[in-house]
Each structure stands twice: as structure tokens, then as C-alpha cells.
């Protein structure tokens, strides 16, 4: 199910209409709440940053770092699965060869 039009969201007293292909209005609103919470947490940790634009950039960097880590973990998982499958294939081939003898 995709979006039924833009969703009005408010983060740090800034309102914006958001529409993202492939996401429902509820999913967009949920993501907006997560971003608002993350920005609030970062604002509490970095009280010297008063500019919401700078805080938004800091939040985006944190989300990019999380995404980068997830991609790395996913890549490691893929390699593990490939290695495990190759090992199982070799064991299966050995078992089949032994059964033919």
C-alpha cells in the first residue's frame, strides 16, 4: 500500500508536508515521530546546538551511521550464509559420492 497523499508533520516546531513513495501516511507519521524523538535526544545531549538546522544535520548523520552499520551487518550475514551453504553443498556432495560406492 502506498501513500494517499502528503502527511503534515511537525518536528522541532517546523511543519512540512511529506509524501514518500511506497509508504503509508501512518508509516510516514511513525517515522516522523522517531526523527522528532531522536532530535530531542540529541538536543539534550548537545545543549550548545541551538540551531535546529544543525541539529537536523546531526540527526541525519546519526541515521546515516546507523544505516551504514546495518549494511555492514547485512553484508557480513550474507557472507556467512554463502560460506555455510558452500560447506553444506560440499558435505552433501561427499555424502552422495560415498553412497554411490
PDB file of N, CA and C in Angstrom:
ATOM      1  N   UNK A   1       0.845  -1.169   0.000  1.00  0.00           N
ATOM      2  CA  UNK A   1       0.000   0.000   0.000  1.00  0.00           C
ATOM      3  C   UNK A   1       0.888   1.229   0.000  1.00  0.00           C
ATOM      4  N   UNK A   2       0.580   2.176  -0.819  1.00  0.00           N
ATOM      5  CA  UNK A   2       1.402   3.383  -0.872  1.00  0.00           C
ATOM      6  C   UNK A   2       0.651   4.565  -0.275  1.00  0.00           C
ATOM      7  N   UNK A   3       1.294   5.675  -0.261  1.00  0.00           N
ATOM      8  CA  UNK A   3       0.762   6.876   0.348  1.00  0.00           C
ATOM      9  C   UNK A   3      -0.508   7.352  -0.351  1.00  0.00           C
ATOM     10  N   UNK A   4      -1.402   7.943   0.423  1.00  0.00           N
ATOM     11  CA  UNK A   4      -2.628   8.531  -0.119  1.00  0.00           C
ATOM     12  C   UNK A   4      -2.509  10.043  -0.196  1.00  0.00           C
ATOM     13  N   UNK A   5      -1.335  10.541  -0.355  1.00  0.00           N
ATOM     14  CA  UNK A   5      -1.096  11.978  -0.386  1.00  0.00           C
ATOM     15  C   UNK A   5      -0.157  12.375   0.722  1.00  0.00           C
ATOM     16  N   UNK A   6       0.208  13.642   0.740  1.00  0.00           N
ATOM     17  CA  UNK A   6       1.168  14.109   1.743  1.00  0.00           C
ATOM     18  C   UNK A   6       0.606  14.082   3.163  1.00  0.00           C
ATOM     19  N   UNK A   7       1.518  13.913   4.106  1.00  0.00           N
ATOM     20  CA  UNK A   7       1.185  13.936   5.528  1.00  0.00           C
ATOM     21  C   UNK A   7       1.839  15.173   6.119  1.00  0.00           C
ATOM     22  N   UNK A   8       1.070  15.963   6.844  1.00  0.00           N
ATOM     23  CA  UNK A   8       1.633  17.124   7.525  1.00  0.00           C
ATOM     24  C   UNK A   8       2.273  16.656   8.815  1.00  0.00           C
ATOM     25  N   UNK A   9       3.578  16.912   8.942  1.00  0.00           N
ATOM     26  CA  UNK A   9       4.296  16.533  10.160  1.00  0.00           C
ATOM     27  C   UNK A   9       4.916  17.777  10.772  1.00  0.00           C
ATOM     28  N   UNK A  10       5.196  17.690  12.053  1.00  0.00           N
ATOM     29  CA  UNK A  10       5.870  18.785  12.744  1.00  0.00           C
ATOM     30  C   UNK A  10       7.013  18.220  13.554  1.00  0.00           C
ATOM     31  N   UNK A  11       8.193  18.742  13.291  1.00  0.00           N
ATOM     32  CA  UNK A  11       9.386  18.348  14.027  1.00  0.00           C
ATOM     33  C   UNK A  11      10.107  19.623  14.438  1.00  0.00           C
ATOM     34  N   UNK A  12      10.341  19.765  15.715  1.00  0.00           N
ATOM     35  CA  UNK A  12      11.024  20.943  16.258  1.00  0.00           C
ATOM     36  C   UNK A  12      10.379  22.236  15.789  1.00  0.00           C
ATOM     37  N   UNK A  13       9.080  22.286  15.895  1.00  0.00           N
ATOM     38  CA  UNK A  13       8.269  23.464  15.554  1.00  0.00           C
ATOM     39  C   UNK A  13       8.318  23.827  14.074  1.00  0.00           C
ATOM     40  N   UNK A  14       8.795  22.916  13.248  1.00  0.00           N
ATOM     41  CA  UNK A  14       8.787  23.121  11.799  1.00  0.00           C
ATOM     42  C   UNK A  14       7.774  22.157  11.199  1.00  0.00           C
ATOM     43  N   UNK A  15       6.870  22.700  10.400  1.00  0.00           N
ATOM     44  CA  UNK A  15       5.854  21.877   9.756  1.00  0.00           C
ATOM     45  C   UNK A  15       6.230  21.688   8.287  1.00  0.00           C
ATOM     46  N   UNK A  16       5.979  20.465   7.827  1.00  0.00           N
ATOM     47  CA  UNK A  16       6.272  20.162   6.427  1.00  0.00           C
ATOM     48  C   UNK A  16       5.317  19.059   5.970  1.00  0.00           C
ATOM     49  N   UNK A  17       4.943  19.123   4.710  1.00  0.00           N
ATOM     50  CA  UNK A  17       4.120  18.065   4.123  1.00  0.00           C
ATOM     51  C   UNK A  17       5.067  17.053   3.489  1.00  0.00           C
ATOM     52  N   UNK A  18       4.884  15.774   3.844  1.00  0.00           N
ATOM     53  CA  UNK A  18       5.790  14.729   3.383  1.00  0.00           C
ATOM     54  C   UNK A  18       5.004  13.647   2.671  1.00  0.00           C
ATOM     55  N   UNK A  19       5.520  13.234   1.521  1.00  0.00           N
ATOM     56  CA  UNK A  19       4.959  12.104   0.789  1.00  0.00           C
ATOM     57  C   UNK A  19       6.126  11.250   0.315  1.00  0.00           C
ATOM     58  N   UNK A  20       6.110   9.978   0.670  1.00  0.00           N
ATOM     59  CA  UNK A  20       7.192   9.078   0.299  1.00  0.00           C
ATOM     60  C   UNK A  20       6.582   7.883  -0.418  1.00  0.00           C
ATOM     61  N   UNK A  21       7.010   7.667  -1.628  1.00  0.00           N
ATOM     62  CA  UNK A  21       6.506   6.559  -2.437  1.00  0.00           C
ATOM     63  C   UNK A  21       6.700   5.238  -1.711  1.00  0.00           C
ATOM     64  N   UNK A  22       5.643   4.447  -1.654  1.00  0.00           N
ATOM     65  CA  UNK A  22       5.736   3.124  -1.045  1.00  0.00           C
ATOM     66  C   UNK A  22       5.443   3.086   0.446  1.00  0.00           C
ATOM     67  N   UNK A  23       5.243   4.249   1.057  1.00  0.00           N
ATOM     68  CA  UNK A  23       4.922   4.292   2.483  1.00  0.00           C
ATOM     69  C   UNK A  23       3.529   4.870   2.687  1.00  0.00           C
ATOM     70  N   UNK A  24       2.836   4.321   3.680  1.00  0.00           N
ATOM     71  CA  UNK A  24       1.516   4.845   4.013  1.00  0.00           C
ATOM     72  C   UNK A  24       1.661   6.098   4.862  1.00  0.00           C
ATOM     73  N   UNK A  25       0.571   6.812   5.034  1.00  0.00           N
ATOM     74  CA  UNK A  25       0.583   8.005   5.880  1.00  0.00           C
ATOM     75  C   UNK A  25       0.928   7.639   7.322  1.00  0.00           C
ATOM     76  N   UNK A  26       0.454   6.500   7.773  1.00  0.00           N
ATOM     77  CA  UNK A  26       0.754   6.050   9.146  1.00  0.00           C
ATOM     78  C   UNK A  26       2.245   5.758   9.285  1.00  0.00           C
ATOM     79  N   UNK A  27       2.837   5.113   8.290  1.00  0.00           N
ATOM     80  CA  UNK A  27       4.269   4.812   8.347  1.00  0.00           C
ATOM     81  C   UNK A  27       5.091   6.097   8.349  1.00  0.00           C
ATOM     82  N   UNK A  28       4.696   7.059   7.534  1.00  0.00           N
ATOM     83  CA  UNK A  28       5.412   8.346   7.485  1.00  0.00           C
ATOM     84  C   UNK A  28       5.302   9.057   8.826  1.00  0.00           C
ATOM     85  N   UNK A  29       4.107   9.069   9.405  1.00  0.00           N
ATOM     86  CA  UNK A  29       3.912   9.710  10.713  1.00  0.00           C
ATOM     87  C   UNK A  29       4.752   9.018  11.786  1.00  0.00           C
ATOM     88  N   UNK A  30       4.838   7.704  11.720  1.00  0.00           N
ATOM     89  CA  UNK A  30       5.652   6.944  12.676  1.00  0.00           C
ATOM     90  C   UNK A  30       7.122   7.316  12.542  1.00  0.00           C
ATOM     91  N   UNK A  31       7.600   7.380  11.310  1.00  0.00           N
ATOM     92  CA  UNK A  31       8.993   7.772  11.076  1.00  0.00           C
ATOM     93  C   UNK A  31       9.253   9.194  11.562  1.00  0.00           C
ATOM     94  N   UNK A  32       8.299  10.074  11.332  1.00  0.00           N
ATOM     95  CA  UNK A  32       8.445  11.466  11.779  1.00  0.00           C
ATOM     96  C   UNK A  32       8.569  11.530  13.298  1.00  0.00           C
ATOM     97  N   UNK A  33       7.773  10.723  14.005  1.00  0.00           N
ATOM     98  CA  UNK A  33       7.878  10.693  15.475  1.00  0.00           C
ATOM     99  C   UNK A  33       9.254  10.199  15.903  1.00  0.00           C
ATOM    100  N   UNK A  34       9.765   9.180  15.207  1.00  0.00           N
ATOM    101  CA  UNK A  34      11.096   8.664  15.537  1.00  0.00           C
ATOM    102  C   UNK A  34      12.165   9.736  15.332  1.00  0.00           C
ATOM    103  N   UNK A  35      12.058  10.476  14.236  1.00  0.00           N
ATOM    104  CA  UNK A  35      13.022  11.546  13.953  1.00  0.00           C
ATOM    105  C   UNK A  35      12.921  12.630  15.022  1.00  0.00           C
ATOM    106  N   UNK A  36      11.696  13.010  15.369  1.00  0.00           N
ATOM    107  CA  UNK A  36      11.499  14.041  16.400  1.00  0.00           C
ATOM    108  C   UNK A  36      12.103  13.596  17.730  1.00  0.00           C
ATOM    109  N   UNK A  37      11.890  12.336  18.095  1.00  0.00           N
ATOM    110  CA  UNK A  37      12.458  11.815  19.344  1.00  0.00           C
ATOM    111  C   UNK A  37      13.976  11.798  19.295  1.00  0.00           C
ATOM    112  N   UNK A  38      14.525  11.398  18.150  1.00  0.00           N
ATOM    113  CA  UNK A  38      15.983  11.351  18.003  1.00  0.00           C
ATOM    114  C   UNK A  38      16.567  12.751  18.095  1.00  0.00           C
ATOM    115  N   UNK A  39      15.907  13.712  17.447  1.00  0.00           N
ATOM    116  CA  UNK A  39      16.393  15.094  17.514  1.00  0.00           C
ATOM    117  C   UNK A  39      16.328  15.617  18.945  1.00  0.00           C
ATOM    118  N   UNK A  40      15.261  15.287  19.650  1.00  0.00           N
ATOM    119  CA  UNK A  40      15.120  15.733  21.035  1.00  0.00           C
ATOM    120  C   UNK A  40      16.225  15.129  21.902  1.00  0.00           C
ATOM    121  N   UNK A  41      16.502  13.848  21.717  1.00  0.00           N
ATOM    122  CA  UNK A  41      17.583  13.198  22.461  1.00  0.00           C
ATOM    123  C   UNK A  41      18.923  13.861  22.173  1.00  0.00           C
ATOM    124  N   UNK A  42      19.185  14.103  20.889  1.00  0.00           N
ATOM    125  CA  UNK A  42      20.453  14.736  20.515  1.00  0.00           C
ATOM    126  C   UNK A  42      20.528  16.175  21.028  1.00  0.00           C
ATOM    127  N   UNK A  43      19.401  16.863  21.062  1.00  0.00           N
ATOM    128  CA  UNK A  43      19.370  18.229  21.600  1.00  0.00           C
ATOM    129  C   UNK A  43      19.719  18.218  23.085  1.00  0.00           C
ATOM    130  N   UNK A  44      19.218  17.214  23.800  1.00  0.00           N
ATOM    131  CA  UNK A  44      19.530  17.096  25.228  1.00  0.00           C
ATOM    132  C   UNK A  44      21.003  16.778  25.453  1.00  0.00           C
ATOM    133  N   UNK A  45      21.587  15.980  24.558  1.00  0.00           N
ATOM    134  CA  UNK A  45      22.996  15.607  24.681  1.00  0.00           C
ATOM    135  C   UNK A  45      23.936  16.718  24.225  1.00  0.00           C
ATOM    136  N   UNK A  46      23.438  17.586  23.355  1.00  0.00           N
ATOM    137  CA  UNK A  46      24.270  18.647  22.775  1.00  0.00           C
ATOM    138  C   UNK A  46      23.592  19.994  22.999  1.00  0.00           C
ATOM    139  N   UNK A  47      23.545  20.423  24.232  1.00  0.00           N
ATOM    140  CA  UNK A  47      22.810  21.635  24.592  1.00  0.00           C
ATOM    141  C   UNK A  47      23.382  22.899  23.944  1.00  0.00           C
ATOM    142  N   UNK A  48      24.620  22.830  23.463  1.00  0.00           N
ATOM    143  CA  UNK A  48      25.217  24.004  22.829  1.00  0.00           C
ATOM    144  C   UNK A  48      24.679  24.234  21.416  1.00  0.00           C
ATOM    145  N   UNK A  49      24.036  23.217  20.838  1.00  0.00           N
ATOM    146  CA  UNK A  49      23.484  23.376  19.493  1.00  0.00           C
ATOM    147  C   UNK A  49      22.062  23.922  19.623  1.00  0.00           C
ATOM    148  N   UNK A  50      21.897  25.195  19.301  1.00  0.00           N
ATOM    149  CA  UNK A  50      20.583  25.831  19.404  1.00  0.00           C
ATOM    150  C   UNK A  50      19.888  25.890  18.050  1.00  0.00           C
ATOM    151  N   UNK A  51      20.661  25.792  16.990  1.00  0.00           N
ATOM    152  CA  UNK A  51      20.137  25.899  15.635  1.00  0.00           C
ATOM    153  C   UNK A  51      19.501  24.570  15.220  1.00  0.00           C
ATOM    154  N   UNK A  52      18.208  24.601  14.912  1.00  0.00           N
ATOM    155  CA  UNK A  52      17.514  23.357  14.562  1.00  0.00           C
ATOM    156  C   UNK A  52      18.032  22.776  13.254  1.00  0.00           C
ATOM    157  N   UNK A  53      18.540  23.599  12.352  1.00  0.00           N
ATOM    158  CA  UNK A  53      19.104  23.085  11.095  1.00  0.00           C
ATOM    159  C   UNK A  53      20.360  22.259  11.384  1.00  0.00           C
ATOM    160  N   UNK A  54      21.202  22.751  12.280  1.00  0.00           N
ATOM    161  CA  UNK A  54      22.405  21.994  12.655  1.00  0.00           C
ATOM    162  C   UNK A  54      22.020  20.706  13.372  1.00  0.00           C
ATOM    163  N   UNK A  55      21.000  20.787  14.199  1.00  0.00           N
ATOM    164  CA  UNK A  55      20.520  19.605  14.907  1.00  0.00           C
ATOM    165  C   UNK A  55      19.951  18.586  13.916  1.00  0.00           C
ATOM    166  N   UNK A  56      19.278  19.072  12.883  1.00  0.00           N
ATOM    167  CA  UNK A  56      18.738  18.183  11.842  1.00  0.00           C
ATOM    168  C   UNK A  56      19.879  17.480  11.100  1.00  0.00           C
ATOM    169  N   UNK A  57      20.959  18.220  10.829  1.00  0.00           N
ATOM    170  CA  UNK A  57      22.120  17.627  10.161  1.00  0.00           C
ATOM    171  C   UNK A  57      22.746  16.563  11.061  1.00  0.00           C
ATOM    172  N   UNK A  58      22.882  16.851  12.350  1.00  0.00           N
ATOM    173  CA  UNK A  58      23.432  15.887  13.298  1.00  0.00           C
ATOM    174  C   UNK A  58      22.558  14.626  13.352  1.00  0.00           C
ATOM    175  N   UNK A  59      21.261  14.825  13.347  1.00  0.00           N
ATOM    176  CA  UNK A  59      20.335  13.690  13.354  1.00  0.00           C
ATOM    177  C   UNK A  59      20.482  12.865  12.085  1.00  0.00           C
ATOM    178  N   UNK A  60      20.577  13.540  10.954  1.00  0.00           N
ATOM    179  CA  UNK A  60      20.746  12.834   9.681  1.00  0.00           C
ATOM    180  C   UNK A  60      22.041  12.023   9.669  1.00  0.00           C
ATOM    181  N   UNK A  61      23.109  12.591  10.209  1.00  0.00           N
ATOM    182  CA  UNK A  61      24.392  11.876  10.281  1.00  0.00           C
ATOM    183  C   UNK A  61      24.252  10.631  11.156  1.00  0.00           C
ATOM    184  N   UNK A  62      23.541  10.755  12.263  1.00  0.00           N
ATOM    185  CA  UNK A  62      23.335   9.592  13.139  1.00  0.00           C
ATOM    186  C   UNK A  62      22.538   8.506  12.421  1.00  0.00           C
ATOM    187  N   UNK A  63      21.498   8.902  11.695  1.00  0.00           N
ATOM    188  CA  UNK A  63      20.728   7.913  10.941  1.00  0.00           C
ATOM    189  C   UNK A  63      21.575   7.291   9.825  1.00  0.00           C
ATOM    190  N   UNK A  64      22.406   8.089   9.174  1.00  0.00           N
ATOM    191  CA  UNK A  64      23.286   7.557   8.128  1.00  0.00           C
ATOM    192  C   UNK A  64      24.279   6.556   8.727  1.00  0.00           C
ATOM    193  N   UNK A  65      24.794   6.858   9.910  1.00  0.00           N
ATOM    194  CA  UNK A  65      25.725   5.937  10.588  1.00  0.00           C
ATOM    195  C   UNK A  65      25.019   4.631  10.934  1.00  0.00           C
ATOM    196  N   UNK A  66      23.794   4.729  11.422  1.00  0.00           N
ATOM    197  CA  UNK A  66      23.024   3.518  11.728  1.00  0.00           C
ATOM    198  C   UNK A  66      22.809   2.690  10.464  1.00  0.00           C
ATOM    199  N   UNK A  67      22.459   3.360   9.378  1.00  0.00           N
ATOM    200  CA  UNK A  67      22.237   2.680   8.098  1.00  0.00           C
ATOM    201  C   UNK A  67      23.513   2.004   7.605  1.00  0.00           C
ATOM    202  N   UNK A  68      24.636   2.688   7.740  1.00  0.00           N
ATOM    203  CA  UNK A  68      25.933   2.154   7.333  1.00  0.00           C
ATOM    204  C   UNK A  68      26.257   0.883   8.120  1.00  0.00           C
ATOM    205  N   UNK A  69      26.017   0.937   9.429  1.00  0.00           N
ATOM    206  CA  UNK A  69      26.275  -0.227  10.277  1.00  0.00           C
ATOM    207  C   UNK A  69      25.372  -1.398   9.889  1.00  0.00           C
ATOM    208  N   UNK A  70      24.109  -1.107   9.603  1.00  0.00           N
ATOM    209  CA  UNK A  70      23.177  -2.166   9.200  1.00  0.00           C
ATOM    210  C   UNK A  70      23.588  -2.801   7.880  1.00  0.00           C
ATOM    211  N   UNK A  71      24.041  -1.972   6.941  1.00  0.00           N
ATOM    212  CA  UNK A  71      24.507  -2.516   5.657  1.00  0.00           C
ATOM    213  C   UNK A  71      25.710  -3.427   5.864  1.00  0.00           C
ATOM    214  N   UNK A  72      26.625  -3.021   6.740  1.00  0.00           N
ATOM    215  CA  UNK A  72      27.793  -3.851   7.035  1.00  0.00           C
ATOM    216  C   UNK A  72      27.389  -5.164   7.680  1.00  0.00           C
ATOM    217  N   UNK A  73      26.460  -5.103   8.616  1.00  0.00           N
ATOM    218  CA  UNK A  73      25.986  -6.318   9.277  1.00  0.00           C
ATOM    219  C   UNK A  73      25.283  -7.222   8.275  1.00  0.00           C
ATOM    220  N   UNK A  74      24.514  -6.630   7.386  1.00  0.00           N
ATOM    221  CA  UNK A  74      23.806  -7.412   6.373  1.00  0.00           C
ATOM    222  C   UNK A  74      24.795  -8.096   5.439  1.00  0.00           C
ATOM    223  N   UNK A  75      25.826  -7.363   5.048  1.00  0.00           N
ATOM    224  CA  UNK A  75      26.851  -7.923   4.173  1.00  0.00           C
ATOM    225  C   UNK A  75      27.568  -9.082   4.857  1.00  0.00           C
ATOM    226  N   UNK A  76      27.887  -8.913   6.149  1.00  0.00           N
ATOM    227  CA  UNK A  76      28.533  -9.987   6.909  1.00  0.00           C
ATOM    228  C   UNK A  76      27.627 -11.205   7.003  1.00  0.00           C
ATOM    229  N   UNK A  77      26.343 -10.971   7.215  1.00  0.00           N
ATOM    230  CA  UNK A  77      25.390 -12.083   7.292  1.00  0.00           C
ATOM    231  C   UNK A  77      25.299 -12.819   5.961  1.00  0.00           C
ATOM    232  N   UNK A  78      25.301 -12.069   4.865  1.00  0.00           N
ATOM    233  CA  UNK A  78      25.249 -12.692   3.535  1.00  0.00           C
ATOM    234  C   UNK A  78      26.474 -13.574   3.309  1.00  0.00           C
ATOM    235  N   UNK A  79      27.655 -13.061   3.664  1.00  0.00           N
ATOM    236  CA  UNK A  79      28.877 -13.849   3.503  1.00  0.00           C
ATOM    237  C   UNK A  79      28.835 -15.103   4.356  1.00  0.00           C
ATOM    238  N   UNK A  80      28.331 -14.988   5.583  1.00  0.00           N
ATOM    239  CA  UNK A  80      28.221 -16.140   6.467  1.00  0.00           C
ATOM    240  C   UNK A  80      27.298 -17.192   5.857  1.00  0.00           C
ATOM    241  N   UNK A  81      26.145 -16.755   5.348  1.00  0.00           N
ATOM    242  CA  UNK A  81      25.186 -17.692   4.750  1.00  0.00           C
ATOM    243  C   UNK A  81      25.790 -18.359   3.523  1.00  0.00           C
ATOM    244  N   UNK A  82      26.477 -17.590   2.674  1.00  0.00           N
ATOM    245  CA  UNK A  82      27.110 -18.160   1.484  1.00  0.00           C
ATOM    246  C   UNK A  82      28.161 -19.203   1.869  1.00  0.00           C
ATOM    247  N   UNK A  83      28.991 -18.890   2.859  1.00  0.00           N
ATOM    248  CA  UNK A  83      30.020 -19.823   3.316  1.00  0.00           C
ATOM    249  C   UNK A  83      29.383 -21.079   3.889  1.00  0.00           C
ATOM    250  N   UNK A  84      28.345 -20.908   4.678  1.00  0.00           N
ATOM    251  CA  UNK A  84      27.656 -22.053   5.276  1.00  0.00           C
ATOM    252  C   UNK A  84      27.022 -22.915   4.186  1.00  0.00           C
ATOM    253  N   UNK A  85      26.423 -22.286   3.176  1.00  0.00           N
ATOM    254  CA  UNK A  85      25.804 -23.048   2.087  1.00  0.00           C
ATOM    255  C   UNK A  85      26.853 -23.823   1.289  1.00  0.00           C
ATOM    256  N   UNK A  86      27.990 -23.196   1.022  1.00  0.00           N
ATOM    257  CA  UNK A  86      29.069 -23.879   0.303  1.00  0.00           C
ATOM    258  C   UNK A  86      29.549 -25.092   1.092  1.00  0.00           C
ATOM    259  N   UNK A  87      29.688 -24.931   2.393  1.00  0.00           N
ATOM    260  CA  UNK A  87      30.120 -26.031   3.255  1.00  0.00           C
ATOM    261  C   UNK A  87      29.095 -27.162   3.227  1.00  0.00           C
ATOM    262  N   UNK A  88      27.833 -26.820   3.299  1.00  0.00           N
ATOM    263  CA  UNK A  88      26.779 -27.837   3.261  1.00  0.00           C
ATOM    264  C   UNK A  88      26.739 -28.549   1.910  1.00  0.00           C
ATOM    265  N   UNK A  89      26.965 -27.804   0.828  1.00  0.00           N
ATOM    266  CA  UNK A  89      26.995 -28.405  -0.511  1.00  0.00           C
ATOM    267  C   UNK A  89      28.137 -29.411  -0.622  1.00  0.00           C
ATOM    268  N   UNK A  90      29.308 -29.044  -0.095  1.00  0.00           N
ATOM    269  CA  UNK A  90      30.448 -29.960  -0.121  1.00  0.00           C
ATOM    270  C   UNK A  90      30.149 -31.221   0.690  1.00  0.00           C
ATOM    271  N   UNK A  91      29.552 -31.053   1.852  1.00  0.00           N
ATOM    272  CA  UNK A  91      29.194 -32.209   2.671  1.00  0.00           C
ATOM    273  C   UNK A  91      28.173 -33.086   1.961  1.00  0.00           C
ATOM    274  N   UNK A  92      27.211 -32.485   1.287  1.00  0.00           N
ATOM    275  CA  UNK A  92      26.198 -33.217   0.555  1.00  0.00           C
ATOM    276  C   UNK A  92      26.824 -33.985  -0.616  1.00  0.00           C
ATOM    277  N   UNK A  93      27.738 -33.322  -1.334  1.00  0.00           N
ATOM    278  CA  UNK A  93      28.422 -33.976  -2.449  1.00  0.00           C
ATOM    279  C   UNK A  93      29.235 -35.159  -1.960  1.00  0.00           C
ATOM    280  N   UNK A  94      29.928 -35.008  -0.831  1.00  0.00           N
ATOM    281  CA  UNK A  94      30.701 -36.116  -0.257  1.00  0.00           C
ATOM    282  C   UNK A  94      29.778 -37.259   0.139  1.00  0.00           C
ATOM    283  N   UNK A  95      28.653 -36.918   0.749  1.00  0.00           N
ATOM    284  CA  UNK A  95      27.703 -37.950   1.167  1.00  0.00           C
ATOM    285  C   UNK A  95      27.129 -38.683  -0.046  1.00  0.00           C
ATOM    286  N   UNK A  96      26.837 -37.962  -1.093  1.00  0.00           N
ATOM    287  CA  UNK A  96      26.310 -38.583  -2.310  1.00  0.00           C
ATOM    288  C   UNK A  96      27.367 -39.462  -2.990  1.00  0.00           C
ATOM    289  N   UNK A  97      28.601 -38.982  -2.998  1.00  0.00           N
ATOM    290  CA  UNK A  97      29.695 -39.780  -3.585  1.00  0.00           C
ATOM    291  C   UNK A  97      29.906 -41.065  -2.809  1.00  0.00           C
ATOM    292  N   UNK A  98      29.854 -40.991  -1.493  1.00  0.00           N
ATOM    293  CA  UNK A  98      30.021 -42.181  -0.652  1.00  0.00           C
ATOM    294  C   UNK A  98      28.869 -43.153  -0.847  1.00  0.00           C
ATOM    295  N   UNK A  99      27.677 -42.651  -1.067  1.00  0.00           N
ATOM    296  CA  UNK A  99      26.516 -43.506  -1.238  1.00  0.00           C
ATOM    297  C   UNK A  99      26.544 -44.264  -2.567  1.00  0.00           C
ATOM    298  N   UNK A 100      27.209 -43.692  -3.574  1.00  0.00           N
ATOM    299  CA  UNK A 100      27.293 -44.314  -4.897  1.00  0.00           C
ATOM    300  C   UNK A 100      28.274 -45.488  -4.901  1.00  0.00           C
ATOM    301  N   UNK A 101      29.221 -45.487  -3.972  1.00  0.00           N
ATOM    302  CA  UNK A 101      30.274 -46.511  -3.955  1.00  0.00           C
ATOM    303  C   UNK A 101      29.798 -47.793  -3.398  1.00  0.00           C
TER     304      UNK A 101
END
